[in-house]
Protein backbone atom coordinates (compact mmCIF):
# COMPACT_ATOMS: atom_id res chain seq x y z
CA UNK A 1 256.87 233.67 101.02
CA UNK A 2 253.21 234.71 101.15
CA UNK A 3 250.82 232.19 102.65
CA UNK A 4 248.27 230.44 100.45
CA UNK A 5 245.71 231.02 103.21
CA UNK A 6 244.50 234.19 104.88
CA UNK A 7 243.35 232.06 107.84
CA UNK A 8 244.42 228.55 108.80
CA UNK A 9 243.58 226.45 111.85
CA UNK A 10 245.35 223.17 112.60
CA UNK A 11 244.35 220.52 115.13
CA UNK A 12 242.04 222.80 117.14
CA UNK A 13 240.67 221.14 120.28
CA UNK A 14 238.33 222.72 122.84
CA UNK A 15 237.16 220.93 125.98
CA UNK A 16 234.40 222.05 128.32
CA UNK A 17 233.69 220.11 131.54
CA UNK A 18 232.64 216.65 130.37
CA UNK A 19 232.37 217.65 126.70
CA UNK A 20 234.89 217.76 123.86
CA UNK A 21 233.33 220.56 121.80
CA UNK A 22 236.09 220.49 119.14
CA UNK A 23 238.26 217.47 118.50
CA UNK A 24 241.36 218.11 116.37
CA UNK A 25 239.59 220.16 113.68
CA UNK A 26 241.27 221.97 110.79
CA UNK A 27 240.21 224.72 108.41
CA UNK A 28 241.76 226.83 105.65
CA UNK A 29 240.39 230.06 104.17
CA UNK A 30 241.84 231.49 100.97
CA UNK A 31 242.07 235.22 100.17
CA UNK A 32 238.92 236.47 98.40
CA UNK A 33 237.05 233.19 99.02
CA UNK A 34 233.54 232.43 100.24
CA UNK A 35 233.96 229.15 102.11
CA UNK A 36 230.88 227.34 103.45
CA UNK A 37 231.00 225.59 106.83
CA UNK A 38 228.30 222.97 107.32
CA UNK A 39 227.31 220.31 109.82
CA UNK A 40 224.41 219.24 111.99
CA UNK A 41 223.53 221.15 115.16
CA UNK A 42 226.07 220.16 117.79
CA UNK A 43 228.80 219.53 115.20
CA UNK A 44 231.02 222.22 116.77
CA UNK A 45 230.52 225.11 114.35
CA UNK A 46 229.57 227.72 116.97
CA UNK A 47 232.48 226.82 119.26
CA UNK A 48 234.80 226.98 116.27
CA UNK A 49 233.67 230.56 115.47
CA UNK A 50 234.24 231.55 119.08
CA UNK A 51 237.80 230.22 118.93
CA UNK A 52 238.48 232.24 115.76
CA UNK A 53 236.98 235.41 117.28
CA UNK A 54 238.83 235.04 120.59
CA UNK A 55 235.75 234.37 122.72
CA UNK A 56 237.12 230.91 123.60
CA UNK A 57 240.76 229.93 123.91
CA UNK A 58 241.57 226.58 122.28
CA UNK A 59 243.00 223.82 124.52
CA UNK A 60 245.08 222.52 121.63
CA UNK A 61 246.08 223.36 118.09
CA UNK A 62 247.36 226.43 116.26
CA UNK A 63 245.87 229.35 114.34
CA UNK A 64 247.64 231.28 111.58
CA UNK A 65 246.74 234.62 110.00
CA UNK A 66 248.42 235.29 106.65
CA UNK A 67 250.96 232.59 107.54
CA UNK A 68 251.84 234.02 110.96
CA UNK A 69 250.89 232.20 114.15
CA UNK A 70 248.44 234.15 116.33
CA UNK A 71 247.19 233.68 119.87
CA UNK A 72 244.14 235.80 120.62
CA UNK A 73 243.62 236.67 124.28
CA UNK A 74 240.09 237.92 123.63
CA UNK A 75 237.63 239.37 121.07
CA UNK A 76 239.48 242.69 120.92
CA UNK A 77 242.60 240.92 119.58
CA UNK A 78 240.50 239.22 116.92
CA UNK A 79 238.83 242.49 115.89
CA UNK A 80 242.19 244.27 115.76
CA UNK A 81 243.43 241.52 113.44
CA UNK A 82 240.57 242.24 111.01
CA UNK A 83 238.11 239.46 111.92
CA UNK A 84 234.37 240.14 112.37
CA UNK A 85 231.41 237.84 113.03
CA UNK A 86 227.78 238.44 112.03
CA UNK A 87 225.32 236.23 113.87
CA UNK A 88 221.83 234.99 113.01
CA UNK A 89 220.45 236.77 116.10
CA UNK A 90 221.90 240.25 115.86
CA UNK A 91 223.20 241.57 119.19
CA UNK A 92 222.36 245.24 118.69
CA UNK A 93 221.46 248.23 120.85
CA UNK A 94 217.83 248.74 119.70
CA UNK A 95 217.33 252.22 121.19
CA UNK A 96 220.50 253.68 119.66
CA UNK A 97 220.89 254.94 116.11
CA UNK A 98 222.33 252.88 113.27
CA UNK A 99 225.51 255.00 113.28
CA UNK A 100 225.96 254.50 117.03
CA UNK A 101 225.64 250.74 116.55
CA UNK A 102 228.12 250.73 113.65
CA UNK A 103 230.82 252.61 115.58
CA UNK A 104 230.14 251.09 119.01
CA UNK A 105 233.50 250.39 120.62
CA UNK A 106 235.53 252.25 118.00
CA UNK A 107 233.93 255.70 117.96
CA UNK A 108 235.63 258.53 116.07
CA UNK A 109 237.12 260.75 118.78
CA UNK A 110 239.15 263.96 118.45
CA UNK A 111 240.46 265.95 121.43
CA UNK A 112 238.33 263.79 123.73
CA UNK A 113 235.14 264.61 121.82
CA UNK A 114 233.05 262.14 119.77
CA UNK A 115 232.86 263.38 116.18
CA UNK A 116 229.15 262.75 115.60
CA UNK A 117 228.87 264.48 112.21
CA UNK A 118 231.84 262.53 110.85
CA UNK A 119 230.45 259.25 112.20
CA UNK A 120 227.00 259.75 110.66
CA UNK A 121 228.52 260.73 107.32
CA UNK A 122 230.86 257.71 107.34
CA UNK A 123 227.98 255.40 108.37
CA UNK A 124 225.85 256.68 105.47
CA UNK A 125 228.72 256.00 103.05
CA UNK A 126 229.02 252.42 104.33
CA UNK A 127 225.26 251.88 104.05
CA UNK A 128 225.32 253.28 100.50
CA UNK A 129 227.97 250.69 99.56
CA UNK A 130 225.48 248.03 100.67
CA UNK A 131 222.53 249.68 98.84
CA UNK A 132 220.72 250.06 102.16
CA UNK A 133 217.25 251.61 102.04
CA UNK A 134 217.60 253.38 105.41
CA UNK A 135 219.77 256.10 106.93
CA UNK A 136 222.34 256.07 109.71
CA UNK A 137 219.99 258.21 111.85
CA UNK A 138 217.33 255.45 111.99
CA UNK A 139 216.73 253.76 115.34
CA UNK A 140 218.17 250.24 115.27
CA UNK A 141 215.06 248.70 116.82
CA UNK A 142 212.89 249.98 113.96
CA UNK A 143 214.77 247.88 111.37
CA UNK A 144 213.93 244.43 110.01
CA UNK A 145 216.22 241.45 110.70
CA UNK A 146 217.72 241.78 107.21
CA UNK A 147 218.37 245.50 107.72
CA UNK A 148 219.97 244.86 111.12
CA UNK A 149 222.29 242.30 109.50
CA UNK A 150 223.24 244.99 106.97
CA UNK A 151 224.20 247.25 109.89
CA UNK A 152 226.40 244.46 111.27
CA UNK A 153 228.12 244.14 107.89
CA UNK A 154 228.62 247.93 107.82
CA UNK A 155 230.09 247.65 111.34
CA UNK A 156 232.56 245.01 110.11
CA UNK A 157 233.54 247.27 107.20
CA UNK A 158 233.98 250.25 109.54
CA UNK A 159 236.53 248.22 111.48
CA UNK A 160 238.35 247.27 108.24
CA UNK A 161 237.52 243.57 108.64
CA UNK A 162 239.16 241.36 106.03
CA UNK A 163 237.72 238.09 107.34
CA UNK A 164 233.95 238.07 107.87
CA UNK A 165 232.15 235.13 109.50
CA UNK A 166 228.41 234.89 108.76
CA UNK A 167 226.60 232.49 111.10
CA UNK A 168 223.26 231.26 109.67
CA UNK A 169 222.58 234.73 108.22
CA UNK A 170 219.69 233.62 105.96
CA UNK A 171 217.78 231.61 108.59
CA UNK A 172 215.32 234.42 109.32
CA UNK A 173 215.34 236.09 105.90
CA UNK A 174 212.86 235.97 103.02
CA UNK A 175 213.96 234.80 99.58
CA UNK A 176 214.40 238.39 98.37
CA UNK A 177 216.32 239.37 101.49
CA UNK A 178 218.55 236.31 101.10
CA UNK A 179 219.23 237.26 97.48
CA UNK A 180 220.29 240.73 98.61
CA UNK A 181 222.62 239.20 101.20
CA UNK A 182 224.15 237.01 98.47
CA UNK A 183 224.77 240.12 96.38
CA UNK A 184 226.44 241.91 99.29
CA UNK A 185 228.58 238.85 100.10
CA UNK A 186 229.78 238.60 96.50
CA UNK A 187 230.57 242.33 96.45
CA UNK A 188 232.64 241.99 99.64
CA UNK A 189 234.47 239.00 98.15
CA UNK A 190 235.20 240.89 94.93
CA UNK A 191 236.63 243.75 97.01
CA UNK A 192 239.07 241.39 98.72
CA UNK A 193 237.27 240.14 101.83
CA UNK A 194 237.28 236.44 102.73
CA UNK A 195 234.01 235.02 104.08
CA UNK A 196 233.18 231.96 106.17
CA UNK A 197 229.47 231.29 105.50
CA UNK A 198 227.83 228.93 108.00
CA UNK A 199 224.45 227.57 106.93
CA UNK A 200 222.07 224.60 107.00
CA UNK A 201 220.73 225.57 103.60
CA UNK A 202 222.19 223.91 100.52
CA UNK A 203 220.98 226.78 98.32
CA UNK A 204 223.25 229.17 100.29
CA UNK A 205 226.26 226.95 99.66
CA UNK A 206 225.58 226.35 95.96
CA UNK A 207 224.81 230.02 95.37
CA UNK A 208 227.91 231.45 97.06
CA UNK A 209 230.69 229.07 98.02
CA UNK A 210 233.50 227.54 96.00
CA UNK A 211 234.52 225.17 98.82
CA UNK A 212 232.69 223.60 101.74
CA UNK A 213 234.10 222.19 104.97
CA UNK A 214 232.05 219.70 106.99
CA UNK A 215 232.20 219.10 110.75
CA UNK A 216 230.47 216.14 112.40
CA UNK A 217 230.33 215.29 116.11
CA UNK A 218 232.98 217.95 116.91
CA UNK A 219 235.40 216.50 114.35
CA UNK A 220 236.67 217.64 110.95
CA UNK A 221 235.25 215.41 108.20
CA UNK A 222 236.63 217.04 105.04
CA UNK A 223 236.83 219.99 102.68
CA UNK A 224 235.29 219.66 99.20
CA UNK A 225 234.94 221.69 96.02
CA UNK A 226 231.27 222.65 95.84
CA UNK A 227 231.05 221.83 92.11
CA UNK A 228 232.51 218.35 92.66
CA UNK A 229 230.49 216.95 95.57
CA UNK A 230 226.99 215.56 95.12
CA UNK A 231 224.11 216.44 97.43
CA UNK A 232 223.92 212.83 98.61
CA UNK A 233 227.65 212.67 99.44
CA UNK A 234 227.49 215.98 101.28
CA UNK A 235 224.54 214.78 103.39
CA UNK A 236 226.43 211.55 104.20
CA UNK A 237 229.47 213.62 105.26
CA UNK A 238 227.27 215.76 107.53
CA UNK A 239 225.19 213.08 109.23
CA UNK A 240 227.55 210.09 109.06
CA UNK A 241 225.07 207.90 107.30
CA UNK A 242 223.34 207.78 103.98
CA UNK A 243 219.82 209.16 104.13
CA UNK A 244 218.30 206.86 101.54
CA UNK A 245 214.95 208.59 101.70
CA UNK A 246 215.10 212.25 102.60
CA UNK A 247 211.31 212.47 102.36
CA UNK A 248 209.90 209.30 103.98
CA UNK A 249 206.30 209.88 102.90
CA UNK A 250 204.22 206.74 103.48
CA UNK A 251 201.22 205.83 101.33
CA UNK A 252 198.17 206.53 103.47
CA UNK A 253 194.60 205.73 102.52
CA UNK A 254 192.84 209.04 103.02
CA UNK A 255 189.72 209.08 105.15
CA UNK A 256 186.76 211.38 105.39
CA UNK A 257 186.96 215.16 105.45
CA UNK A 258 187.98 216.48 108.88
CA UNK A 259 188.33 220.25 108.44
CA UNK A 260 186.74 222.54 105.87
CA UNK A 261 186.94 226.31 105.65
CA UNK A 262 184.61 228.32 103.42
CA UNK A 263 185.16 231.87 102.16
CA UNK A 264 187.37 232.96 105.05
CA UNK A 265 188.15 236.69 104.86
CA UNK A 266 190.08 239.10 107.02
CA UNK A 267 190.10 242.70 105.88
CA UNK A 268 193.47 243.76 104.48
CA UNK A 269 194.98 240.27 104.66
CA UNK A 270 193.08 237.59 102.71
CA UNK A 271 189.74 237.07 100.98
CA UNK A 272 187.43 234.14 100.15
CA UNK A 273 189.85 231.39 101.19
CA UNK A 274 188.26 227.93 100.94
CA UNK A 275 189.86 224.49 101.30
CA UNK A 276 189.46 221.19 103.11
CA UNK A 277 191.74 218.50 104.55
CA UNK A 278 190.99 214.81 105.09
CA UNK A 279 191.96 212.24 107.68
CA UNK A 280 195.53 211.02 107.00
CA UNK A 281 196.16 213.76 104.42
CA UNK A 282 199.11 216.18 104.35
CA UNK A 283 197.84 219.34 102.68
CA UNK A 284 200.65 221.64 101.55
CA UNK A 285 199.94 225.38 101.74
CA UNK A 286 202.54 227.43 99.91
CA UNK A 287 203.22 230.73 98.15
CA UNK A 288 205.77 233.52 97.95
CA UNK A 289 206.43 236.15 100.63
CA UNK A 290 203.26 238.18 101.18
CA UNK A 291 200.96 235.30 100.17
CA UNK A 292 199.33 235.54 103.66
CA UNK A 293 199.48 231.81 104.40
CA UNK A 294 200.45 232.26 108.05
CA UNK A 295 197.70 234.87 108.54
CA UNK A 296 195.12 232.35 107.28
CA UNK A 297 196.17 229.59 109.68
CA UNK A 298 196.49 232.04 112.60
CA UNK A 299 192.87 233.01 111.97
CA UNK A 300 191.75 229.36 111.80
CA UNK A 301 193.60 228.81 115.10
CA UNK A 302 191.91 231.80 116.75
CA UNK A 303 194.99 234.02 117.11
CA UNK A 304 193.37 236.64 114.86
CA UNK A 305 189.70 237.54 114.40
CA UNK A 306 187.79 236.36 111.34
CA UNK A 307 185.74 239.00 109.50
CA UNK A 308 183.62 236.52 107.53
CA UNK A 309 183.50 232.89 106.48
CA UNK A 310 182.81 229.53 108.12
CA UNK A 311 184.88 226.74 109.68
CA UNK A 312 183.58 223.15 109.77
CA UNK A 313 184.96 220.23 111.77
CA UNK A 314 183.62 216.76 110.97
CA UNK A 315 180.85 218.44 108.97
CA UNK A 316 179.64 220.69 111.82
CA UNK A 317 180.21 224.43 111.89
CA UNK A 318 182.37 225.60 114.79
CA UNK A 319 183.24 229.04 116.18
CA UNK A 320 186.87 229.68 117.07
CA UNK A 321 187.52 232.89 118.97
CA UNK A 322 190.79 231.93 120.66
CA UNK A 323 193.57 229.28 120.51
CA UNK A 324 191.87 227.61 123.49
CA UNK A 325 188.70 227.17 121.38
CA UNK A 326 190.84 225.64 118.61
CA UNK A 327 192.51 223.13 120.95
CA UNK A 328 189.18 222.18 122.56
CA UNK A 329 187.83 221.48 119.05
CA UNK A 330 190.87 219.34 118.20
CA UNK A 331 192.98 221.79 116.16
CA UNK A 332 196.66 222.24 117.10
CA UNK A 333 199.30 224.63 115.78
CA UNK A 334 203.05 224.07 115.52
CA UNK A 335 204.15 227.68 115.19
CA UNK A 336 206.94 228.86 112.88
CA UNK A 337 208.57 230.81 115.73
CA UNK A 338 209.16 227.98 118.19
CA UNK A 339 211.72 229.96 120.28
CA UNK A 340 209.40 232.86 121.13
CA UNK A 341 205.90 231.43 120.68
CA UNK A 342 206.10 227.63 120.77
CA UNK A 343 208.34 226.86 123.75
CA UNK A 344 209.56 228.29 127.05
CA UNK A 345 213.30 227.84 126.55
CA UNK A 346 214.28 228.17 130.24
CA UNK A 347 211.86 225.44 131.27
CA UNK A 348 212.54 221.72 131.19
CA UNK A 349 211.44 219.43 128.37
CA UNK A 350 208.74 217.69 130.40
CA UNK A 351 207.06 220.84 131.68
CA UNK A 352 207.01 222.32 128.16
CA UNK A 353 205.31 219.21 126.78
CA UNK A 354 202.52 219.12 129.37
CA UNK A 355 202.02 222.89 129.64
CA UNK A 356 198.79 223.19 127.62
CA UNK A 357 197.23 220.16 129.35
CA UNK A 358 198.50 220.72 132.90
CA UNK A 359 194.98 220.48 134.36
CA UNK A 360 194.98 216.76 133.44
CA UNK A 361 197.68 216.15 136.05
CA UNK A 362 196.17 217.74 139.13
CA UNK A 363 194.01 220.59 140.40
CA UNK A 364 194.56 224.22 141.41
CA UNK A 365 196.23 223.07 144.66
CA UNK A 366 198.34 220.04 143.69
CA UNK A 367 200.06 218.60 140.62
CA UNK A 368 200.56 214.87 140.18
CA UNK A 369 204.23 215.16 139.18
CA UNK A 370 204.63 211.44 138.59
CA UNK A 371 201.69 211.24 136.14
CA UNK A 372 202.90 214.40 134.40
CA UNK A 373 206.43 212.97 134.00
CA UNK A 374 205.14 209.62 132.67
CA UNK A 375 202.99 211.39 130.06
CA UNK A 376 205.80 213.75 129.02
CA UNK A 377 208.31 210.88 128.77
CA UNK A 378 205.95 208.88 126.58
CA UNK A 379 205.34 211.81 124.23
CA UNK A 380 209.04 212.79 124.05
CA UNK A 381 210.10 209.20 123.32
CA UNK A 382 207.31 208.90 120.76
CA UNK A 383 209.09 211.42 118.54
CA UNK A 384 212.61 210.25 119.53
CA UNK A 385 213.69 213.41 121.39
CA UNK A 386 217.39 213.13 122.26
CA UNK A 387 218.16 214.46 125.76
CA UNK A 388 219.69 213.29 129.04
CA UNK A 389 216.50 213.82 131.03
CA UNK A 390 213.09 215.50 130.96
CA UNK A 391 214.53 218.18 133.27
CA UNK A 392 217.00 219.39 130.64
CA UNK A 393 216.25 222.98 129.67
CA UNK A 394 214.85 223.23 126.13
CA UNK A 395 217.45 225.95 125.43
CA UNK A 396 220.21 223.31 125.67
CA UNK A 397 218.76 221.23 122.81
CA UNK A 398 219.56 221.36 119.10
CA UNK A 399 217.03 222.98 116.75
CA UNK A 400 215.79 219.58 115.62
CA UNK A 401 215.20 218.34 119.16
CA UNK A 402 213.50 221.61 120.12
CA UNK A 403 211.12 221.04 117.21
CA UNK A 404 210.44 217.50 118.47
CA UNK A 405 209.54 218.92 121.90
CA UNK A 406 207.19 221.41 120.18
CA UNK A 407 205.55 218.50 118.29
CA UNK A 408 205.24 216.51 121.56
CA UNK A 409 203.58 219.53 123.16
CA UNK A 410 200.78 219.74 120.58
CA UNK A 411 200.34 215.94 120.65
CA UNK A 412 199.66 216.16 124.40
CA UNK A 413 196.21 217.49 123.48
CA UNK A 414 193.47 215.37 121.93
CA UNK A 415 193.71 216.64 118.35
CA UNK A 416 192.33 215.81 114.92
CA UNK A 417 194.01 218.54 112.86
CA UNK A 418 197.69 219.52 113.05
CA UNK A 419 198.73 222.82 111.48
CA UNK A 420 202.51 222.80 110.99
CA UNK A 421 203.93 226.21 110.01
CA UNK A 422 207.43 225.87 108.43
CA UNK A 423 208.04 222.61 110.36
CA UNK A 424 211.74 222.27 109.40
CA UNK A 425 212.82 225.91 109.50
CA UNK A 426 216.30 226.35 110.97
CA UNK A 427 217.06 222.66 111.55
CA UNK A 428 219.77 220.56 109.97
CA UNK A 429 219.41 218.00 107.23
CA UNK A 430 219.43 214.91 109.46
CA UNK A 431 216.79 216.36 111.79
CA UNK A 432 214.68 217.36 108.76
CA UNK A 433 214.43 213.73 107.64
CA UNK A 434 213.36 212.78 111.20
CA UNK A 435 210.65 215.49 111.27
CA UNK A 436 209.36 214.27 107.88
CA UNK A 437 209.27 210.73 109.24
CA UNK A 438 207.25 211.94 112.27
CA UNK A 439 204.82 213.75 109.94
CA UNK A 440 204.35 210.55 107.94
CA UNK A 441 203.68 208.55 111.11
CA UNK A 442 201.13 211.12 112.30
CA UNK A 443 199.34 210.93 108.94
CA UNK A 444 199.24 207.13 109.28
CA UNK A 445 197.68 207.58 112.72
CA UNK A 446 194.85 209.54 111.10
CA UNK A 447 195.75 213.14 111.82
CA UNK A 448 194.75 215.66 109.16
CA UNK A 449 197.87 217.79 108.59
CA UNK A 450 198.12 221.27 107.07
CA UNK A 451 201.78 222.00 106.28
CA UNK A 452 202.72 225.61 105.53
CA UNK A 453 206.09 225.67 103.81
CA UNK A 454 208.31 227.88 101.64
CA UNK A 455 210.68 225.02 100.77
CA UNK A 456 209.79 223.63 97.36
CA UNK A 457 211.31 220.12 97.82
CA UNK A 458 209.38 219.80 101.10
CA UNK A 459 206.10 220.88 99.50
CA UNK A 460 206.50 218.61 96.46
CA UNK A 461 207.62 215.51 98.36
CA UNK A 462 205.50 215.60 101.53
CA UNK A 463 202.11 216.89 100.30
CA UNK A 464 199.20 214.77 99.11
CA UNK A 465 197.66 217.95 97.72
CA UNK A 466 198.99 221.50 97.34
CA UNK A 467 197.14 224.80 97.77
CA UNK A 468 198.96 227.83 96.36
CA UNK A 469 198.29 231.37 97.54
CA UNK A 470 199.21 234.79 96.16
CA UNK A 471 198.54 238.08 97.95
CA UNK A 472 195.78 236.74 100.16
CA UNK A 473 193.94 234.61 97.60
CA UNK A 474 194.05 230.95 96.57
CA UNK A 475 195.34 230.91 93.01
CA UNK A 476 195.73 227.20 92.42
CA UNK A 477 195.31 223.64 93.68
CA UNK A 478 197.48 220.72 92.53
CA UNK A 479 197.43 217.01 93.23
CA UNK A 480 200.68 215.32 94.26
CA UNK A 481 200.90 213.68 90.83
CA UNK A 482 200.50 216.84 88.76
CA UNK A 483 202.54 219.21 90.96
CA UNK A 484 205.81 220.59 89.61
CA UNK A 485 208.04 223.41 90.79
CA UNK A 486 207.19 225.41 87.67
CA UNK A 487 203.47 224.86 88.15
CA UNK A 488 203.56 225.98 91.77
CA UNK A 489 205.57 229.09 90.92
CA UNK A 490 203.16 230.00 88.14
CA UNK A 491 200.25 229.94 90.60
CA UNK A 492 202.36 231.68 93.29
CA UNK A 493 202.99 234.58 90.92
CA UNK A 494 199.52 234.52 89.38
CA UNK A 495 198.42 237.96 90.56
CA UNK A 496 201.67 239.71 89.74
CA UNK A 497 201.77 238.04 86.31
CA UNK A 498 198.21 239.25 85.65
CA UNK A 499 199.14 242.76 86.77
CA UNK A 500 202.13 242.74 84.41
CA UNK A 501 200.02 241.57 81.46
CA UNK A 502 197.45 244.29 82.17
CA UNK A 503 200.02 247.06 81.66
């Protein structure tokens, strides 16, 4: 009798020294199904994938493929059984061609010779199936993240994978790129593949999955039909508590103007950008891909050079030629790319926090380690960073706790203005609520906050005022009371709508 499931795991347990990474978890994947797997960082999702793909051997439990028990000795066994994994951070060979990456490890060989022509032709056919806009001869390193993920999918297809695991595939993608990935996933499903789609984003789950399984604290919580579970119940399943207020935005009496920019322009990027932000205010800055929001704040912060325009702090014009100038003037930036630009992952928590203000804790010959540790501890505890000690490497923390360390780092300086670029990108739902709570507390303490965000619920619920940009220009400003999703989108598409009406 044929099995109801193409993949089934029962009672899977995995123990690392001192840590139970998986505790009696179960999972079932049906043929031709897109099944979402969700849970907070540290819930056990990554370890679970590695058990399925043969990277880790389970210490307990059983795995079945099409009803037959399997015991993978390593990744090769998993691949031979038709299982492929596509990760958020693509592990590619950047200096090799797309075709070489697709067939790496299973090259087409005849009489001891690699059949290059056949491989490039086959690779182009696979890319055509995915509607790729690049050829198999392209160098892998020249491709965008979305294009590299497409190559990974082509690689899975080249190995005849029937079970495809996608681990946070949309985390680094734009809305359009995500939509293309959805289309590809649905095409694969319709052609008979079964997909496990791991994501923090509810829109991914609602858009693609029919069922969702939730892990929490290394344990299996439950499997639910997507169309039968409410958002609130799903959040409770993931975090183990009801988040009564996902957006804890306090009422803050706004003070005087702190920062004002007038007619900022940077050739080829943005033109005549003017806005202000007041003490205690959270100013939302939003727009679609290509709106140039990040370029504007990078220029205010001194990362890029301003062509024209003026910046005022507390009513006085200031010149910012570098990030150091910005910090000295009381302007801090929480960068969108915390892994590469915001933190040094191999360093400890404490040293990351005090890095920009290290001169406060000594001189060029000696560092007052005790004073540095006390300051770092105070700042880390102030935002409720969860770690064993200040010496823990930042790389060992969850995304939410890494973001808290990044916030602590900018708070180490004496600031008036906080620029927060995509402050909750890539972190789970429980940690998001904590970051919002921290933002609210900072506003209450009098910081003027500029929040750049692509997430509509975040923009609508956390902003006192919203500035909308389109293709390098401000196209609208909305108060908290008058802002709606439709209104923001109308302003966000203002230029393209005008161009359409002109035709």
